[in-house]
Amino acid sequence: MKLTPTERYADDGLDGRRPRRAVTSMPVHLSSVVGSPLFDSGGERLGRIEDLIARLDGAAEQPPVVGLKARIGGRELLVPASRLASLGTSGAYMVTTKLNLARFQLRQGELLLRADVLGRSLIDTTAARLVRAREIELVYARGSWRVAGIDPTLAARLRRLLPRRLRTHRAQHARFVGWWQMEPFVGPESSTLLRLTHRRLARLHPAQLADLVEAASHAQGEEILQAVAQDEGLQAGVFEELDDERRREFLRDRSDGDVAALLCRLSSDDAVDLLLQLDQERRLPVLNLLPDPMRGKVRGLLGYNPQTAGGIMSPDFISVSDHATVAGAIAAIRTAEIADHDVQAVYLADARGHLIGALELATLLRAPNTQVVARLSATRTPAVPPNADIPEIARTMADYDLLSLPVVDPEGRMIGVIALDDVVGRMLPTDWRRRHGDARG
């Protein structure tokens, strides 16, 4: 049997008449294996290796190679890894002379490394960026060949273009990315029904996922959104972070019911922003599908100019009587159905509902539980009317060093609150969300 210098052998307990199984600590490149010959146990050439099959079970950091796709006599056949004696740059040897002539077919959870991964984009979940698999590294570990990772560099692609005899294996990669960091795209054009998994993507922030969606093709972006759909809050957060153009693109593909369900997972002000991304004729039908309480809030916000305090405020805030105790204010925080990141302060109102003060969370936590909240607010809280423009809002927040700013009606009653991030977002250039250049490998 012809061997490569990288291969060594261990006794597999066979009777000595069959080839011993190859065991190697030296990695090989996929491109060096694909296209090489397939031999039977007697050394007779049977055909050519077309691709390698890996099984992704969602847990293995290095997915095992479970077989190869070979072209033999004009037919595509499956050769299980259990029927292979060795695999390397010189080809593969079988442990038998018999072939299974059944038609080649992938099983659930399997993919073809050359057809589905090599040359395609993947998600590096550690760096939150798209990378292209210009080469795939294989290692022999734990009794089987496994996918160790990819080389995304152009140098790897250039090596693939060289004649096979001139290719050299690089043990050191300038930008090697381990498979444990990766999520592969396997879309409709691929050979399997495998899809992106939620497990690794859930580690990323919605803004990072939005960057990936913007950097990807439409089909890949949809695949990311579907992968995070099981976490409804996360998917809604991704939509919130997308630029307007991509929002419209993906909303267009969804039914009115799906869009309404998405809006229900957003704060009222963000729901208005997303609703306005819909085509005019879809807005009212989607609005009518919202639950009554949220529909009322959204209708109210739609009545304001989107570039004023009323247009960017959220009607959801926590307000307590000025006679309440610290313990009562903290209880109100615990029971409020408001996202954690939207709670910056607790606002105080007198008997007529007029805004008279605000307390930051740190102030409440440091005060005795029996302390009356009115005694903790030494100065009057600044506020703006609903028709205040963005520069006025920004100046007020900067002057008073505020993370949130109350909006009051002409009688001084609080009707909403503006978060700092909403102000910053409107003051940045119109294309500020286009960060996808950083998400491309």
Protein backbone atom coordinates (compact mmCIF):
# COMPACT_ATOMS: atom_id res chain seq x y z
CA MET A 1 0.00 0.00 0.00
CA LYS A 2 1.31 3.42 -0.90
CA LEU A 3 1.62 5.64 2.14
CA THR A 4 2.15 9.36 2.66
CA PRO A 5 4.86 10.65 4.98
CA THR A 6 2.28 12.08 7.35
CA GLU A 7 0.66 8.71 8.11
CA ARG A 8 1.53 6.21 10.80
CA TYR A 9 -0.35 3.04 11.71
CA ALA A 10 -1.68 1.23 14.73
CA ASP A 11 -2.85 -2.36 15.01
CA ASP A 12 -6.63 -2.47 14.67
CA GLY A 13 -6.99 -6.08 15.75
CA LEU A 14 -7.64 -7.43 12.24
CA ASP A 15 -6.15 -10.69 10.99
CA GLY A 16 -3.26 -9.07 9.14
CA ARG A 17 -4.62 -9.65 5.64
CA ARG A 18 -6.40 -6.25 5.62
CA PRO A 19 -4.69 -2.87 5.73
CA ARG A 20 -4.16 -1.43 9.16
CA ARG A 21 -6.09 1.72 10.02
CA ALA A 22 -4.30 5.04 9.53
CA VAL A 23 -3.68 7.13 12.63
CA THR A 24 -2.00 10.49 12.25
CA SER A 25 -1.28 13.55 14.33
CA MET A 26 -0.58 15.60 11.22
CA PRO A 27 -3.49 17.63 9.83
CA VAL A 28 -4.37 17.67 6.15
CA HIS A 29 -6.23 20.11 3.93
CA LEU A 30 -9.58 19.16 2.44
CA SER A 31 -8.45 20.33 -1.01
CA SER A 32 -5.55 17.86 -0.84
CA VAL A 33 -7.93 14.96 -0.23
CA VAL A 34 -10.75 15.84 -2.62
CA GLY A 35 -9.89 14.71 -6.13
CA SER A 36 -7.45 12.05 -4.93
CA PRO A 37 -8.00 8.35 -5.79
CA LEU A 38 -9.95 5.72 -3.87
CA PHE A 39 -8.35 2.25 -3.64
CA ASP A 40 -9.69 -1.09 -2.48
CA SER A 41 -7.86 -3.21 0.08
CA GLY A 42 -5.77 -4.81 -2.66
CA GLY A 43 -4.49 -1.44 -3.91
CA GLU A 44 -6.65 -1.39 -7.05
CA ARG A 45 -7.94 2.03 -7.99
CA LEU A 46 -11.74 2.18 -7.80
CA GLY A 47 -12.49 5.83 -8.50
CA ARG A 48 -12.05 9.35 -7.21
CA ILE A 49 -12.94 11.11 -3.94
CA GLU A 50 -15.52 13.82 -4.70
CA ASP A 51 -16.21 15.11 -1.20
CA LEU A 52 -16.07 14.33 2.52
CA ILE A 53 -19.14 14.03 4.72
CA ALA A 54 -19.20 15.53 8.23
CA ARG A 55 -21.88 15.12 10.86
CA LEU A 56 -22.87 18.20 12.84
CA ASP A 57 -24.55 17.20 16.06
CA GLY A 58 -24.46 20.66 17.62
CA ALA A 59 -22.15 19.66 20.45
CA ALA A 60 -18.90 18.42 18.92
CA GLU A 61 -16.20 21.09 18.76
CA GLN A 62 -14.58 19.08 15.95
CA PRO A 63 -17.32 17.36 13.90
CA PRO A 64 -16.40 13.83 12.78
CA VAL A 65 -15.96 12.84 9.14
CA VAL A 66 -18.45 10.00 8.75
CA GLY A 67 -17.72 9.05 5.15
CA LEU A 68 -16.84 10.20 1.70
CA LYS A 69 -18.64 10.69 -1.55
CA ALA A 70 -16.81 8.88 -4.36
CA ARG A 71 -17.31 8.69 -8.10
CA ILE A 72 -16.86 5.12 -9.24
CA GLY A 73 -17.66 4.01 -12.77
CA GLY A 74 -19.75 7.10 -13.44
CA ARG A 75 -21.82 6.69 -10.26
CA GLU A 76 -21.79 8.64 -7.01
CA LEU A 77 -21.43 6.23 -4.09
CA LEU A 78 -21.21 6.63 -0.34
CA VAL A 79 -18.21 5.09 1.43
CA PRO A 80 -18.71 5.09 5.23
CA ALA A 81 -15.70 6.03 7.36
CA SER A 82 -15.93 2.62 8.99
CA ARG A 83 -14.98 1.04 5.63
CA LEU A 84 -11.81 3.12 5.27
CA ALA A 85 -8.39 1.90 6.29
CA SER A 86 -6.58 5.17 5.61
CA LEU A 87 -7.19 8.65 4.35
CA GLY A 88 -4.59 11.16 3.27
CA THR A 89 -3.22 13.32 0.49
CA SER A 90 -2.36 10.25 -1.59
CA GLY A 91 -5.95 9.01 -1.47
CA ALA A 92 -8.10 6.67 0.57
CA TYR A 93 -7.84 2.91 1.03
CA MET A 94 -10.76 0.68 1.93
CA VAL A 95 -10.68 -2.30 4.27
CA THR A 96 -12.49 -4.42 1.70
CA THR A 97 -12.89 -5.00 -2.02
CA LYS A 98 -16.70 -4.89 -1.77
CA LEU A 99 -18.75 -1.78 -2.51
CA ASN A 100 -22.24 -0.74 -1.49
CA LEU A 101 -23.90 0.24 -4.77
CA ALA A 102 -26.79 2.09 -3.10
CA ARG A 103 -27.46 5.60 -4.40
CA PHE A 104 -25.59 8.33 -2.54
CA GLN A 105 -27.76 10.24 -0.07
CA LEU A 106 -27.00 12.43 2.93
CA ARG A 107 -28.68 11.84 6.26
CA GLN A 108 -30.14 14.46 8.60
CA GLY A 109 -27.39 16.50 10.25
CA GLU A 110 -24.76 15.71 7.62
CA LEU A 111 -23.15 18.05 5.12
CA LEU A 112 -20.60 17.91 2.34
CA LEU A 113 -17.47 19.80 3.27
CA ARG A 114 -16.54 20.76 -0.27
CA ALA A 115 -20.02 21.52 -1.61
CA ASP A 116 -21.54 23.10 1.51
CA VAL A 117 -18.60 24.73 3.31
CA LEU A 118 -15.50 25.24 1.16
CA GLY A 119 -15.53 28.66 -0.47
CA ARG A 120 -18.68 29.70 1.38
CA SER A 121 -19.36 32.19 4.16
CA LEU A 122 -19.63 31.11 7.78
CA ILE A 123 -20.23 33.02 11.00
CA ASP A 124 -17.30 33.40 13.38
CA THR A 125 -19.32 33.72 16.58
CA THR A 126 -16.31 34.79 18.63
CA ALA A 127 -15.44 37.78 16.44
CA ALA A 128 -19.07 38.35 15.31
CA ARG A 129 -18.11 38.50 11.65
CA LEU A 130 -18.56 36.60 8.41
CA VAL A 131 -15.56 34.63 7.19
CA ARG A 132 -15.08 32.63 4.01
CA ALA A 133 -13.79 29.08 4.25
CA ARG A 134 -10.98 29.18 1.71
CA GLU A 135 -9.50 25.98 3.13
CA ILE A 136 -10.69 23.37 5.62
CA GLU A 137 -8.31 21.71 8.07
CA LEU A 138 -8.79 18.04 8.98
CA VAL A 139 -7.16 16.28 11.93
CA TYR A 140 -7.17 12.70 13.17
CA ALA A 141 -8.33 12.66 16.80
CA ARG A 142 -10.24 10.34 19.12
CA GLY A 143 -10.26 7.54 16.59
CA SER A 144 -11.64 9.41 13.58
CA TRP A 145 -10.95 12.19 11.13
CA ARG A 146 -12.47 15.48 12.27
CA VAL A 147 -13.03 19.02 11.03
CA ALA A 148 -10.64 21.21 13.01
CA GLY A 149 -11.39 24.58 11.43
CA ILE A 150 -10.96 26.81 8.43
CA ASP A 151 -8.37 29.10 6.89
CA PRO A 152 -10.13 32.28 5.61
CA THR A 153 -7.09 33.85 3.95
CA LEU A 154 -6.60 34.48 0.23
CA ALA A 155 -3.28 32.62 0.46
CA ALA A 156 -5.21 29.44 1.21
CA ARG A 157 -7.35 29.94 -1.89
CA LEU A 158 -4.26 30.52 -4.03
CA ARG A 159 -2.73 27.25 -2.79
CA ARG A 160 -5.86 25.43 -3.95
CA LEU A 161 -5.29 26.75 -7.47
CA LEU A 162 -1.84 25.19 -7.68
CA PRO A 163 -1.33 21.74 -9.23
CA ARG A 164 -1.72 19.06 -6.58
CA ARG A 165 1.97 18.10 -6.66
CA LEU A 166 2.99 21.68 -5.86
CA ARG A 167 0.68 22.19 -2.90
CA THR A 168 2.29 22.27 0.51
CA HIS A 169 0.56 21.94 3.85
CA ARG A 170 0.90 24.91 6.16
CA ALA A 171 0.98 23.79 9.77
CA GLN A 172 0.73 27.40 10.94
CA HIS A 173 -2.17 29.57 9.74
CA ALA A 174 -2.13 33.34 9.99
CA ARG A 175 -5.87 33.43 10.71
CA PHE A 176 -6.98 29.90 11.52
CA VAL A 177 -10.53 29.80 12.91
CA GLY A 178 -11.47 26.76 14.99
CA TRP A 179 -14.71 25.00 14.08
CA TRP A 180 -15.96 25.40 17.65
CA GLN A 181 -16.29 29.12 16.87
CA MET A 182 -18.21 28.60 13.63
CA GLU A 183 -21.80 28.45 12.46
CA PRO A 184 -22.16 27.40 8.82
CA PHE A 185 -24.80 28.72 6.44
CA VAL A 186 -26.58 25.86 4.73
CA GLY A 187 -29.27 27.44 2.61
CA PRO A 188 -31.73 26.11 0.02
CA GLU A 189 -29.02 25.67 -2.60
CA SER A 190 -27.08 23.27 -0.38
CA SER A 191 -27.19 19.51 -0.28
CA THR A 192 -28.84 19.15 3.14
CA LEU A 193 -31.69 20.55 5.19
CA LEU A 194 -29.37 21.56 8.01
CA ARG A 195 -29.87 25.08 9.35
CA LEU A 196 -28.07 27.53 11.56
CA THR A 197 -28.44 26.70 15.25
CA HIS A 198 -29.44 29.07 18.01
CA ARG A 199 -26.87 27.81 20.51
CA ARG A 200 -23.83 29.85 19.46
CA LEU A 201 -25.67 32.80 17.94
CA ALA A 202 -27.47 33.45 21.23
CA ARG A 203 -24.15 34.52 22.74
CA LEU A 204 -24.05 37.58 20.48
CA HIS A 205 -25.59 40.97 21.18
CA PRO A 206 -28.53 41.99 18.95
CA ALA A 207 -26.37 44.75 17.44
CA GLN A 208 -23.71 42.18 16.48
CA LEU A 209 -26.34 39.92 14.93
CA ALA A 210 -27.76 42.90 13.02
CA ASP A 211 -24.28 43.62 11.66
CA LEU A 212 -24.08 40.02 10.44
CA VAL A 213 -27.51 40.20 8.82
CA GLU A 214 -26.52 43.42 7.04
CA ALA A 215 -23.23 41.91 5.86
CA ALA A 216 -24.86 38.70 4.61
CA SER A 217 -26.94 38.01 1.53
CA HIS A 218 -30.72 38.17 1.88
CA ALA A 219 -31.01 34.38 2.15
CA GLN A 220 -28.24 34.22 4.76
CA GLY A 221 -29.73 37.11 6.70
CA GLU A 222 -33.08 35.34 6.76
CA GLU A 223 -31.33 32.21 8.00
CA ILE A 224 -29.84 34.17 10.91
CA LEU A 225 -33.23 35.64 11.80
CA GLN A 226 -34.86 32.21 11.70
CA ALA A 227 -32.09 30.75 13.87
CA VAL A 228 -32.72 33.27 16.65
CA ALA A 229 -36.51 33.15 16.29
CA GLN A 230 -36.89 30.76 19.24
CA ASP A 231 -35.73 33.65 21.44
CA GLU A 232 -38.46 36.12 20.55
CA GLY A 233 -36.86 38.97 22.44
CA LEU A 234 -33.53 38.43 20.70
CA GLN A 235 -35.08 38.38 17.24
CA ALA A 236 -37.01 41.57 18.03
CA GLY A 237 -33.78 43.16 19.24
CA VAL A 238 -32.07 42.29 15.95
CA PHE A 239 -34.88 43.93 13.95
CA GLU A 240 -34.58 46.99 16.18
CA GLU A 241 -30.86 47.30 15.36
CA LEU A 242 -31.13 46.79 11.58
CA ASP A 243 -30.79 49.75 9.25
CA ASP A 244 -34.01 50.97 7.65
CA GLU A 245 -33.35 49.39 4.27
CA ARG A 246 -32.79 45.88 5.65
CA ARG A 247 -35.73 46.23 8.03
CA ARG A 248 -38.05 46.92 5.10
CA GLU A 249 -36.51 44.06 3.16
CA PHE A 250 -37.17 41.45 5.83
CA LEU A 251 -40.52 42.85 6.96
CA ARG A 252 -41.73 42.59 3.36
CA ASP A 253 -41.33 38.80 3.54
CA ARG A 254 -43.47 38.45 6.68
CA SER A 255 -47.21 38.27 7.02
CA ASP A 256 -49.18 40.96 8.85
CA GLY A 257 -49.67 38.58 11.76
CA ASP A 258 -45.95 37.87 12.05
CA VAL A 259 -45.14 41.59 11.96
CA ALA A 260 -47.75 42.30 14.65
CA ALA A 261 -46.27 39.57 16.84
CA LEU A 262 -42.83 41.11 16.35
CA LEU A 263 -44.10 44.59 17.32
CA CYS A 264 -45.59 43.19 20.53
CA ARG A 265 -42.10 42.20 21.67
CA LEU A 266 -40.77 45.75 21.29
CA SER A 267 -41.23 48.84 23.41
CA SER A 268 -43.97 51.16 22.15
CA ASP A 269 -41.59 53.72 20.62
CA ASP A 270 -39.54 51.04 18.85
CA ALA A 271 -42.76 49.43 17.63
CA VAL A 272 -43.73 52.76 16.04
CA ASP A 273 -40.35 52.98 14.30
CA LEU A 274 -40.79 49.47 12.89
CA LEU A 275 -44.40 50.07 11.90
CA LEU A 276 -43.35 53.09 9.86
CA GLN A 277 -40.97 50.88 7.87
CA LEU A 278 -43.96 49.03 6.40
CA ASP A 279 -45.58 50.04 3.15
CA GLN A 280 -48.39 52.53 3.76
CA GLU A 281 -51.18 50.08 2.90
CA ARG A 282 -49.96 47.54 5.49
CA ARG A 283 -49.70 49.84 8.51
CA LEU A 284 -53.36 50.00 9.52
CA PRO A 285 -54.00 46.22 9.14
CA VAL A 286 -50.94 45.46 11.27
CA LEU A 287 -51.89 48.12 13.83
CA ASN A 288 -55.37 46.59 14.16
CA LEU A 289 -53.81 43.21 15.01
CA LEU A 290 -52.06 44.60 18.10
CA PRO A 291 -53.59 44.03 21.56
CA ASP A 292 -55.76 46.94 22.75
CA PRO A 293 -53.34 48.41 25.33
CA MET A 294 -50.40 48.47 22.95
CA ARG A 295 -52.49 49.64 20.01
CA GLY A 296 -53.56 52.66 22.08
CA LYS A 297 -49.95 53.54 22.95
CA VAL A 298 -48.77 53.18 19.37
CA ARG A 299 -51.67 55.30 18.02
CA GLY A 300 -50.82 58.00 20.54
CA LEU A 301 -47.16 58.10 19.49
CA LEU A 302 -48.06 58.19 15.79
CA GLY A 303 -49.74 61.55 16.39
CA TYR A 304 -46.39 63.24 17.07
CA ASN A 305 -43.70 64.44 14.69
CA PRO A 306 -41.05 61.67 14.74
CA GLN A 307 -38.30 64.30 15.13
CA THR A 308 -39.75 65.75 18.34
CA ALA A 309 -39.83 64.63 21.97
CA GLY A 310 -43.31 63.17 21.48
CA GLY A 311 -42.13 61.16 18.49
CA ILE A 312 -39.16 59.54 20.23
CA MET A 313 -40.48 59.16 23.77
CA SER A 314 -41.69 55.93 25.31
CA PRO A 315 -45.03 56.06 27.15
CA ASP A 316 -43.77 53.32 29.48
CA PHE A 317 -42.20 54.60 32.69
CA ILE A 318 -42.42 54.08 36.45
CA SER A 319 -44.11 56.77 38.52
CA VAL A 320 -44.94 56.75 42.25
CA SER A 321 -46.56 59.18 44.66
CA ASP A 322 -44.23 61.63 46.36
CA HIS A 323 -45.50 60.18 49.65
CA ALA A 324 -44.35 56.65 48.76
CA THR A 325 -41.50 55.02 50.64
CA VAL A 326 -38.30 53.69 49.15
CA ALA A 327 -39.62 50.16 49.67
CA GLY A 328 -42.77 51.05 47.75
CA ALA A 329 -40.76 52.53 44.87
CA ILE A 330 -38.58 49.43 44.63
CA ALA A 331 -41.71 47.25 44.64
CA ALA A 332 -43.06 49.31 41.73
CA ILE A 333 -39.85 48.61 39.79
CA ARG A 334 -40.17 44.89 40.42
CA THR A 335 -43.75 44.68 39.19
CA ALA A 336 -43.45 47.01 36.19
CA GLU A 337 -43.64 45.27 32.81
CA ILE A 338 -40.78 47.30 31.36
CA ALA A 339 -37.51 45.92 30.01
CA ASP A 340 -34.58 46.28 32.42
CA HIS A 341 -32.57 48.51 30.09
CA ASP A 342 -35.51 50.93 29.82
CA VAL A 343 -35.64 51.60 33.58
CA GLN A 344 -33.23 54.42 34.36
CA ALA A 345 -35.17 56.25 37.07
CA VAL A 346 -38.37 56.36 39.11
CA TYR A 347 -40.44 59.53 38.72
CA LEU A 348 -42.38 61.25 41.51
CA ALA A 349 -45.81 62.83 41.09
CA ASP A 350 -47.95 64.91 43.44
CA ALA A 351 -51.63 64.33 44.17
CA ARG A 352 -52.65 66.09 40.92
CA GLY A 353 -50.24 63.95 38.84
CA HIS A 354 -47.73 66.73 38.23
CA LEU A 355 -44.11 65.69 37.86
CA ILE A 356 -42.11 66.90 40.86
CA GLY A 357 -38.94 64.82 40.83
CA ALA A 358 -36.95 61.80 39.74
CA LEU A 359 -34.74 59.31 41.55
CA GLU A 360 -31.99 57.24 39.98
CA LEU A 361 -31.93 53.56 40.89
CA ALA A 362 -28.66 53.88 42.83
CA THR A 363 -30.22 56.54 45.06
CA LEU A 364 -33.14 54.25 45.90
CA LEU A 365 -30.92 51.26 46.64
CA ARG A 366 -28.73 53.25 49.03
CA ALA A 367 -31.61 54.80 51.01
CA PRO A 368 -33.45 53.19 53.97
CA ASN A 369 -36.59 51.30 52.98
CA THR A 370 -38.78 53.49 55.22
CA GLN A 371 -37.52 56.78 53.78
CA VAL A 372 -40.16 58.88 51.97
CA VAL A 373 -39.05 59.37 48.38
CA ALA A 374 -39.92 63.08 48.24
CA ARG A 375 -37.16 63.78 50.76
CA LEU A 376 -34.56 62.19 48.46
CA SER A 377 -35.25 64.51 45.52
CA ALA A 378 -33.49 67.79 46.36
CA THR A 379 -33.87 69.59 43.02
CA ARG A 380 -36.68 69.90 40.51
CA THR A 381 -36.33 67.48 37.61
CA PRO A 382 -35.91 69.01 34.15
CA ALA A 383 -38.49 68.05 31.53
CA VAL A 384 -39.41 68.98 27.96
CA PRO A 385 -42.74 69.41 26.14
CA PRO A 386 -43.72 66.93 23.41
CA ASN A 387 -42.92 69.44 20.65
CA ALA A 388 -39.27 69.94 21.76
CA ASP A 389 -36.84 69.25 18.93
CA ILE A 390 -33.78 66.97 19.04
CA PRO A 391 -31.18 69.72 19.69
CA GLU A 392 -33.20 71.04 22.66
CA ILE A 393 -33.54 67.53 24.06
CA ALA A 394 -29.83 66.86 23.65
CA ARG A 395 -28.85 70.15 25.31
CA THR A 396 -31.10 69.47 28.29
CA MET A 397 -29.78 65.96 28.80
CA ALA A 398 -26.18 67.17 28.46
CA ASP A 399 -26.68 70.10 30.85
CA TYR A 400 -28.18 67.91 33.57
CA ASP A 401 -26.11 64.78 32.81
CA LEU A 402 -29.23 62.66 32.29
CA LEU A 403 -29.65 59.10 30.99
CA SER A 404 -33.38 59.70 30.56
CA LEU A 405 -35.56 62.80 30.23
CA PRO A 406 -39.27 63.17 31.14
CA VAL A 407 -41.77 64.58 28.65
CA VAL A 408 -44.70 66.51 30.15
CA ASP A 409 -47.97 67.90 28.83
CA PRO A 410 -48.91 71.61 29.16
CA GLU A 411 -50.25 70.97 32.70
CA GLY A 412 -46.95 69.42 33.81
CA ARG A 413 -48.17 65.82 33.89
CA MET A 414 -45.66 63.26 32.68
CA ILE A 415 -46.62 61.52 29.42
CA GLY A 416 -43.40 59.78 28.43
CA VAL A 417 -39.67 59.43 28.84
CA ILE A 418 -36.80 59.78 26.37
CA ALA A 419 -33.79 57.46 26.61
CA LEU A 420 -30.32 58.75 25.83
CA ASP A 421 -29.67 56.13 23.15
CA ASP A 422 -32.71 57.31 21.17
CA VAL A 423 -31.35 60.85 21.12
CA VAL A 424 -27.85 59.74 20.13
CA GLY A 425 -29.25 57.55 17.36
CA ARG A 426 -31.05 60.51 15.78
CA MET A 427 -28.05 62.82 16.01
CA LEU A 428 -25.65 60.47 14.25
CA PRO A 429 -25.35 60.45 10.42
CA THR A 430 -28.20 58.72 8.61
CA ASP A 431 -26.02 55.72 7.69
CA TRP A 432 -24.63 55.23 11.21
CA ARG A 433 -26.09 51.74 11.49
CA ARG A 434 -24.14 50.53 8.47
CA ARG A 435 -21.38 48.77 10.36
CA HIS A 436 -21.41 45.64 8.18
CA GLY A 437 -17.93 46.34 6.81
CA ASP A 438 -16.59 45.30 10.22
CA ALA A 439 -18.66 42.12 10.09
CA ARG A 440 -17.16 40.95 6.82
CA GLY A 441 -14.10 38.74 6.94
